[in-house]
Amino acid sequence: MQGLVLVLAMIFFGTAAPAVLPRPAETLEQLQQRFDKESDAVRKAKQIQKLGDAQFAKEREATRSGDFVTAGEVMEKYRDNVRAAFEALKKAHPSAEKHPNGYKQLEFHTGQGLREVRDVILAMPEPLRPPMQVVEADLKAMNTELLKLLFPRRPGEQPPLDSGASTSKKSDPPEKQP
């Protein structure tokens, strides 16, 4: 009973701990600056999630307003950001299979980026499509490489032959020794 009275008194007199207010959302520019300054490869790759989502929102807004040039520029910057994070990951943690942290998040978001680029390509006029098709091809190549690094041993696929491991066979049978 005393505990209840104490809680009610704290609420009544305003001495209770202030409610935690949500942080205001970061702008696209702030997210980009934070991404550019990040030196840790895994954190950089994980930042693609927030930064990419903000870029997608800006791209969708530009597409809805018919500003396909801005939409294209935003998606080109997204591709450049994915490439920067991917290169940083490969440099810091070359074995994605052993250290998948960052690679997984980047691969997942790159798949989302491919869907966004395809949507923009379908919405924009034909003359503006070629640069976006280059962005799509670049994202597709990075996504494929990410998947191969994360899953190097795929069922049903023959491993590449190591040229130094096998001995060359002679076409002529060995001669008999007397």
C-alpha atoms as a PDB file:
ATOM      1  CA  MET A   1       0.000   0.000   0.000  1.00  0.00           C
ATOM      2  CA  GLN A   2       2.813   2.410   0.853  1.00  0.00           C
ATOM      3  CA  GLY A   3       4.469   1.658  -2.493  1.00  0.00           C
ATOM      4  CA  LEU A   4       1.307   2.599  -4.331  1.00  0.00           C
ATOM      5  CA  VAL A   5       1.032   5.845  -2.376  1.00  0.00           C
ATOM      6  CA  LEU A   6       4.666   6.631  -3.144  1.00  0.00           C
ATOM      7  CA  VAL A   7       4.175   6.018  -6.885  1.00  0.00           C
ATOM      8  CA  LEU A   8       1.014   8.128  -6.942  1.00  0.00           C
ATOM      9  CA  ALA A   9       2.801  10.931  -5.087  1.00  0.00           C
ATOM     10  CA  MET A  10       5.712  10.825  -7.559  1.00  0.00           C
ATOM     11  CA  ILE A  11       3.328  11.018 -10.487  1.00  0.00           C
ATOM     12  CA  PHE A  12       1.289  13.793  -8.876  1.00  0.00           C
ATOM     13  CA  PHE A  13       4.293  15.926  -8.015  1.00  0.00           C
ATOM     14  CA  GLY A  14       6.141  15.211 -11.249  1.00  0.00           C
ATOM     15  CA  THR A  15       9.211  13.702  -9.639  1.00  0.00           C
ATOM     16  CA  ALA A  16       8.956  10.520 -11.635  1.00  0.00           C
ATOM     17  CA  ALA A  17      11.694   9.929 -14.188  1.00  0.00           C
ATOM     18  CA  PRO A  18      10.887  11.717 -17.432  1.00  0.00           C
ATOM     19  CA  ALA A  19       9.641   9.484 -20.196  1.00  0.00           C
ATOM     20  CA  VAL A  20      12.265   8.576 -22.765  1.00  0.00           C
ATOM     21  CA  LEU A  21      11.568  10.624 -25.858  1.00  0.00           C
ATOM     22  CA  PRO A  22      12.387   9.145 -29.236  1.00  0.00           C
ATOM     23  CA  ARG A  23      15.378  10.620 -30.997  1.00  0.00           C
ATOM     24  CA  PRO A  24      14.461  12.774 -33.958  1.00  0.00           C
ATOM     25  CA  ALA A  25      15.046  10.940 -37.217  1.00  0.00           C
ATOM     26  CA  GLU A  26      18.329  11.688 -38.909  1.00  0.00           C
ATOM     27  CA  THR A  27      18.218  13.340 -42.288  1.00  0.00           C
ATOM     28  CA  LEU A  28      19.603  11.696 -45.388  1.00  0.00           C
ATOM     29  CA  GLU A  29      22.534  14.100 -45.310  1.00  0.00           C
ATOM     30  CA  GLN A  30      23.352  13.241 -41.685  1.00  0.00           C
ATOM     31  CA  LEU A  31      23.169   9.513 -42.424  1.00  0.00           C
ATOM     32  CA  GLN A  32      25.430   9.975 -45.455  1.00  0.00           C
ATOM     33  CA  GLN A  33      27.978  11.934 -43.415  1.00  0.00           C
ATOM     34  CA  ARG A  34      27.992   9.277 -40.700  1.00  0.00           C
ATOM     35  CA  PHE A  35      28.426   6.553 -43.339  1.00  0.00           C
ATOM     36  CA  ASP A  36      31.288   8.415 -45.023  1.00  0.00           C
ATOM     37  CA  LYS A  37      33.116   8.919 -41.701  1.00  0.00           C
ATOM     38  CA  GLU A  38      32.700   5.323 -40.491  1.00  0.00           C
ATOM     39  CA  SER A  39      35.987   3.434 -40.516  1.00  0.00           C
ATOM     40  CA  ASP A  40      34.790   0.047 -39.224  1.00  0.00           C
ATOM     41  CA  ALA A  41      33.768  -2.100 -42.200  1.00  0.00           C
ATOM     42  CA  VAL A  42      31.045  -4.060 -40.401  1.00  0.00           C
ATOM     43  CA  ARG A  43      29.417  -0.956 -38.940  1.00  0.00           C
ATOM     44  CA  LYS A  44      29.661   0.708 -42.359  1.00  0.00           C
ATOM     45  CA  ALA A  45      27.852  -2.237 -43.955  1.00  0.00           C
ATOM     46  CA  LYS A  46      25.180  -2.191 -41.257  1.00  0.00           C
ATOM     47  CA  GLN A  47      24.643   1.542 -41.761  1.00  0.00           C
ATOM     48  CA  ILE A  48      23.564   0.801 -45.325  1.00  0.00           C
ATOM     49  CA  GLN A  49      20.231  -0.327 -43.873  1.00  0.00           C
ATOM     50  CA  LYS A  50      19.233   3.097 -42.518  1.00  0.00           C
ATOM     51  CA  LEU A  51      21.021   5.088 -45.196  1.00  0.00           C
ATOM     52  CA  GLY A  52      19.625   2.945 -48.002  1.00  0.00           C
ATOM     53  CA  ASP A  53      16.094   3.152 -46.639  1.00  0.00           C
ATOM     54  CA  ALA A  54      16.402   6.954 -46.505  1.00  0.00           C
ATOM     55  CA  GLN A  55      17.728   6.977 -50.067  1.00  0.00           C
ATOM     56  CA  PHE A  56      14.845   4.770 -51.209  1.00  0.00           C
ATOM     57  CA  ALA A  57      12.359   7.172 -49.602  1.00  0.00           C
ATOM     58  CA  LYS A  58      13.948  10.119 -51.428  1.00  0.00           C
ATOM     59  CA  GLU A  59      14.012   8.158 -54.693  1.00  0.00           C
ATOM     60  CA  ARG A  60      10.315   7.234 -54.360  1.00  0.00           C
ATOM     61  CA  GLU A  61       9.400  10.841 -53.632  1.00  0.00           C
ATOM     62  CA  ALA A  62      11.321  12.017 -56.704  1.00  0.00           C
ATOM     63  CA  THR A  63       9.748   9.299 -58.850  1.00  0.00           C
ATOM     64  CA  ARG A  64       6.229  10.240 -57.697  1.00  0.00           C
ATOM     65  CA  SER A  65       6.885  13.867 -58.619  1.00  0.00           C
ATOM     66  CA  GLY A  66       8.279  12.855 -62.023  1.00  0.00           C
ATOM     67  CA  ASP A  67      11.850  13.947 -61.213  1.00  0.00           C
ATOM     68  CA  PHE A  68      13.605  10.919 -62.675  1.00  0.00           C
ATOM     69  CA  VAL A  69      16.983  12.662 -62.864  1.00  0.00           C
ATOM     70  CA  THR A  70      17.028  13.047 -59.063  1.00  0.00           C
ATOM     71  CA  ALA A  71      15.762   9.494 -58.639  1.00  0.00           C
ATOM     72  CA  GLY A  72      18.610   8.261 -60.833  1.00  0.00           C
ATOM     73  CA  GLU A  73      21.212  10.289 -58.952  1.00  0.00           C
ATOM     74  CA  VAL A  74      19.986   8.928 -55.622  1.00  0.00           C
ATOM     75  CA  MET A  75      20.178   5.341 -56.850  1.00  0.00           C
ATOM     76  CA  GLU A  76      23.648   5.922 -58.298  1.00  0.00           C
ATOM     77  CA  LYS A  77      24.759   7.196 -54.885  1.00  0.00           C
ATOM     78  CA  TYR A  78      23.159   4.139 -53.274  1.00  0.00           C
ATOM     79  CA  ARG A  79      25.176   1.878 -55.594  1.00  0.00           C
ATOM     80  CA  ASP A  80      28.361   3.795 -54.744  1.00  0.00           C
ATOM     81  CA  ASN A  81      27.629   3.408 -51.018  1.00  0.00           C
ATOM     82  CA  VAL A  82      27.052  -0.333 -51.386  1.00  0.00           C
ATOM     83  CA  ARG A  83      30.314  -0.630 -53.318  1.00  0.00           C
ATOM     84  CA  ALA A  84      32.222   1.330 -50.638  1.00  0.00           C
ATOM     85  CA  ALA A  85      30.827  -0.860 -47.842  1.00  0.00           C
ATOM     86  CA  PHE A  86      31.502  -4.041 -49.828  1.00  0.00           C
ATOM     87  CA  GLU A  87      35.103  -3.084 -50.601  1.00  0.00           C
ATOM     88  CA  ALA A  88      35.694  -2.189 -46.949  1.00  0.00           C
ATOM     89  CA  LEU A  89      34.302  -5.572 -45.861  1.00  0.00           C
ATOM     90  CA  LYS A  90      36.438  -7.501 -48.340  1.00  0.00           C
ATOM     91  CA  LYS A  91      39.522  -5.657 -47.133  1.00  0.00           C
ATOM     92  CA  ALA A  92      38.811  -6.059 -43.404  1.00  0.00           C
ATOM     93  CA  HIS A  93      37.269  -9.561 -43.437  1.00  0.00           C
ATOM     94  CA  PRO A  94      38.182 -11.414 -46.646  1.00  0.00           C
ATOM     95  CA  SER A  95      36.445 -14.629 -45.567  1.00  0.00           C
ATOM     96  CA  ALA A  96      32.728 -13.885 -45.590  1.00  0.00           C
ATOM     97  CA  GLU A  97      31.971 -17.508 -44.757  1.00  0.00           C
ATOM     98  CA  LYS A  98      33.942 -17.265 -41.491  1.00  0.00           C
ATOM     99  CA  HIS A  99      32.966 -13.654 -40.697  1.00  0.00           C
ATOM    100  CA  PRO A 100      29.491 -13.113 -42.219  1.00  0.00           C
ATOM    101  CA  ASN A 101      28.634 -10.132 -39.993  1.00  0.00           C
ATOM    102  CA  GLY A 102      28.097  -7.158 -42.274  1.00  0.00           C
ATOM    103  CA  TYR A 103      28.078  -9.287 -45.424  1.00  0.00           C
ATOM    104  CA  LYS A 104      24.625 -10.684 -44.596  1.00  0.00           C
ATOM    105  CA  GLN A 105      23.111  -7.274 -43.964  1.00  0.00           C
ATOM    106  CA  LEU A 106      24.704  -5.843 -47.099  1.00  0.00           C
ATOM    107  CA  GLU A 107      23.470  -8.714 -49.265  1.00  0.00           C
ATOM    108  CA  PHE A 108      19.936  -8.399 -47.911  1.00  0.00           C
ATOM    109  CA  HIS A 109      19.792  -4.665 -48.528  1.00  0.00           C
ATOM    110  CA  THR A 110      21.375  -4.971 -51.963  1.00  0.00           C
ATOM    111  CA  GLY A 111      18.483  -7.258 -52.921  1.00  0.00           C
ATOM    112  CA  GLN A 112      16.090  -4.524 -51.833  1.00  0.00           C
ATOM    113  CA  GLY A 113      18.109  -2.017 -53.844  1.00  0.00           C
ATOM    114  CA  LEU A 114      17.752  -4.159 -56.959  1.00  0.00           C
ATOM    115  CA  ARG A 115      13.966  -4.157 -56.575  1.00  0.00           C
ATOM    116  CA  GLU A 116      13.959  -0.372 -56.126  1.00  0.00           C
ATOM    117  CA  VAL A 117      16.097   0.161 -59.230  1.00  0.00           C
ATOM    118  CA  ARG A 118      13.839  -2.092 -61.289  1.00  0.00           C
ATOM    119  CA  ASP A 119      10.795  -0.119 -60.135  1.00  0.00           C
ATOM    120  CA  VAL A 120      12.456   3.160 -61.148  1.00  0.00           C
ATOM    121  CA  ILE A 121      13.431   1.748 -64.538  1.00  0.00           C
ATOM    122  CA  LEU A 122       9.841   0.728 -65.205  1.00  0.00           C
ATOM    123  CA  ALA A 123       8.519   4.143 -64.182  1.00  0.00           C
ATOM    124  CA  MET A 124      10.973   6.345 -66.088  1.00  0.00           C
ATOM    125  CA  PRO A 125      10.911   7.335 -69.761  1.00  0.00           C
ATOM    126  CA  GLU A 126      12.931   5.203 -72.159  1.00  0.00           C
ATOM    127  CA  PRO A 127      15.716   7.782 -72.853  1.00  0.00           C
ATOM    128  CA  LEU A 128      16.581   7.979 -69.144  1.00  0.00           C
ATOM    129  CA  ARG A 129      16.810   4.224 -68.597  1.00  0.00           C
ATOM    130  CA  PRO A 130      20.382   3.354 -69.740  1.00  0.00           C
ATOM    131  CA  PRO A 131      22.175   4.879 -66.721  1.00  0.00           C
ATOM    132  CA  MET A 132      19.752   3.122 -64.377  1.00  0.00           C
ATOM    133  CA  GLN A 133      20.326  -0.154 -66.202  1.00  0.00           C
ATOM    134  CA  VAL A 134      24.055   0.262 -65.491  1.00  0.00           C
ATOM    135  CA  VAL A 135      23.232   0.784 -61.798  1.00  0.00           C
ATOM    136  CA  GLU A 136      21.068  -2.348 -61.899  1.00  0.00           C
ATOM    137  CA  ALA A 137      23.856  -4.381 -63.515  1.00  0.00           C
ATOM    138  CA  ASP A 138      26.386  -3.145 -60.938  1.00  0.00           C
ATOM    139  CA  LEU A 139      24.096  -3.994 -58.010  1.00  0.00           C
ATOM    140  CA  LYS A 140      23.325  -7.394 -59.512  1.00  0.00           C
ATOM    141  CA  ALA A 141      27.044  -8.169 -59.890  1.00  0.00           C
ATOM    142  CA  MET A 142      27.767  -7.121 -56.300  1.00  0.00           C
ATOM    143  CA  ASN A 143      24.810  -9.150 -55.013  1.00  0.00           C
ATOM    144  CA  THR A 144      26.015 -12.228 -56.879  1.00  0.00           C
ATOM    145  CA  GLU A 145      29.539 -11.792 -55.522  1.00  0.00           C
ATOM    146  CA  LEU A 146      28.183 -11.321 -51.991  1.00  0.00           C
ATOM    147  CA  LEU A 147      26.224 -14.562 -52.283  1.00  0.00           C
ATOM    148  CA  LYS A 148      29.256 -16.439 -53.610  1.00  0.00           C
ATOM    149  CA  LEU A 149      31.409 -15.141 -50.769  1.00  0.00           C
ATOM    150  CA  LEU A 150      28.803 -16.012 -48.143  1.00  0.00           C
ATOM    151  CA  PHE A 151      28.073 -19.447 -49.611  1.00  0.00           C
ATOM    152  CA  PRO A 152      31.194 -20.680 -51.427  1.00  0.00           C
ATOM    153  CA  ARG A 153      30.153 -24.340 -51.283  1.00  0.00           C
ATOM    154  CA  ARG A 154      26.854 -24.689 -53.095  1.00  0.00           C
ATOM    155  CA  PRO A 155      25.225 -28.106 -53.512  1.00  0.00           C
ATOM    156  CA  GLY A 156      25.323 -29.488 -57.030  1.00  0.00           C
ATOM    157  CA  GLU A 157      28.055 -27.147 -58.177  1.00  0.00           C
ATOM    158  CA  GLN A 158      31.459 -28.530 -59.055  1.00  0.00           C
ATOM    159  CA  PRO A 159      34.338 -26.824 -57.264  1.00  0.00           C
ATOM    160  CA  PRO A 160      36.844 -25.160 -59.584  1.00  0.00           C
ATOM    161  CA  LEU A 161      39.787 -27.353 -60.469  1.00  0.00           C
ATOM    162  CA  ASP A 162      43.088 -26.257 -59.019  1.00  0.00           C
ATOM    163  CA  SER A 163      45.509 -26.211 -61.961  1.00  0.00           C
ATOM    164  CA  GLY A 164      48.512 -26.912 -59.715  1.00  0.00           C
ATOM    165  CA  ALA A 165      46.940 -29.870 -57.914  1.00  0.00           C
ATOM    166  CA  SER A 166      46.453 -32.202 -60.841  1.00  0.00           C
ATOM    167  CA  THR A 167      49.218 -33.737 -62.897  1.00  0.00           C
ATOM    168  CA  SER A 168      49.137 -33.406 -66.620  1.00  0.00           C
ATOM    169  CA  LYS A 169      48.424 -36.594 -68.515  1.00  0.00           C
ATOM    170  CA  LYS A 170      50.398 -37.553 -71.542  1.00  0.00           C
ATOM    171  CA  SER A 171      48.418 -38.461 -74.602  1.00  0.00           C
ATOM    172  CA  ASP A 172      50.800 -41.329 -75.467  1.00  0.00           C
ATOM    173  CA  PRO A 173      50.755 -44.435 -73.286  1.00  0.00           C
ATOM    174  CA  PRO A 174      53.956 -45.084 -71.392  1.00  0.00           C
ATOM    175  CA  GLU A 175      56.507 -47.176 -73.267  1.00  0.00           C
ATOM    176  CA  LYS A 176      57.247 -50.644 -71.992  1.00  0.00           C
ATOM    177  CA  GLN A 177      60.630 -51.074 -70.435  1.00  0.00           C
ATOM    178  CA  PRO A 178      62.500 -54.300 -71.467  1.00  0.00           C
END
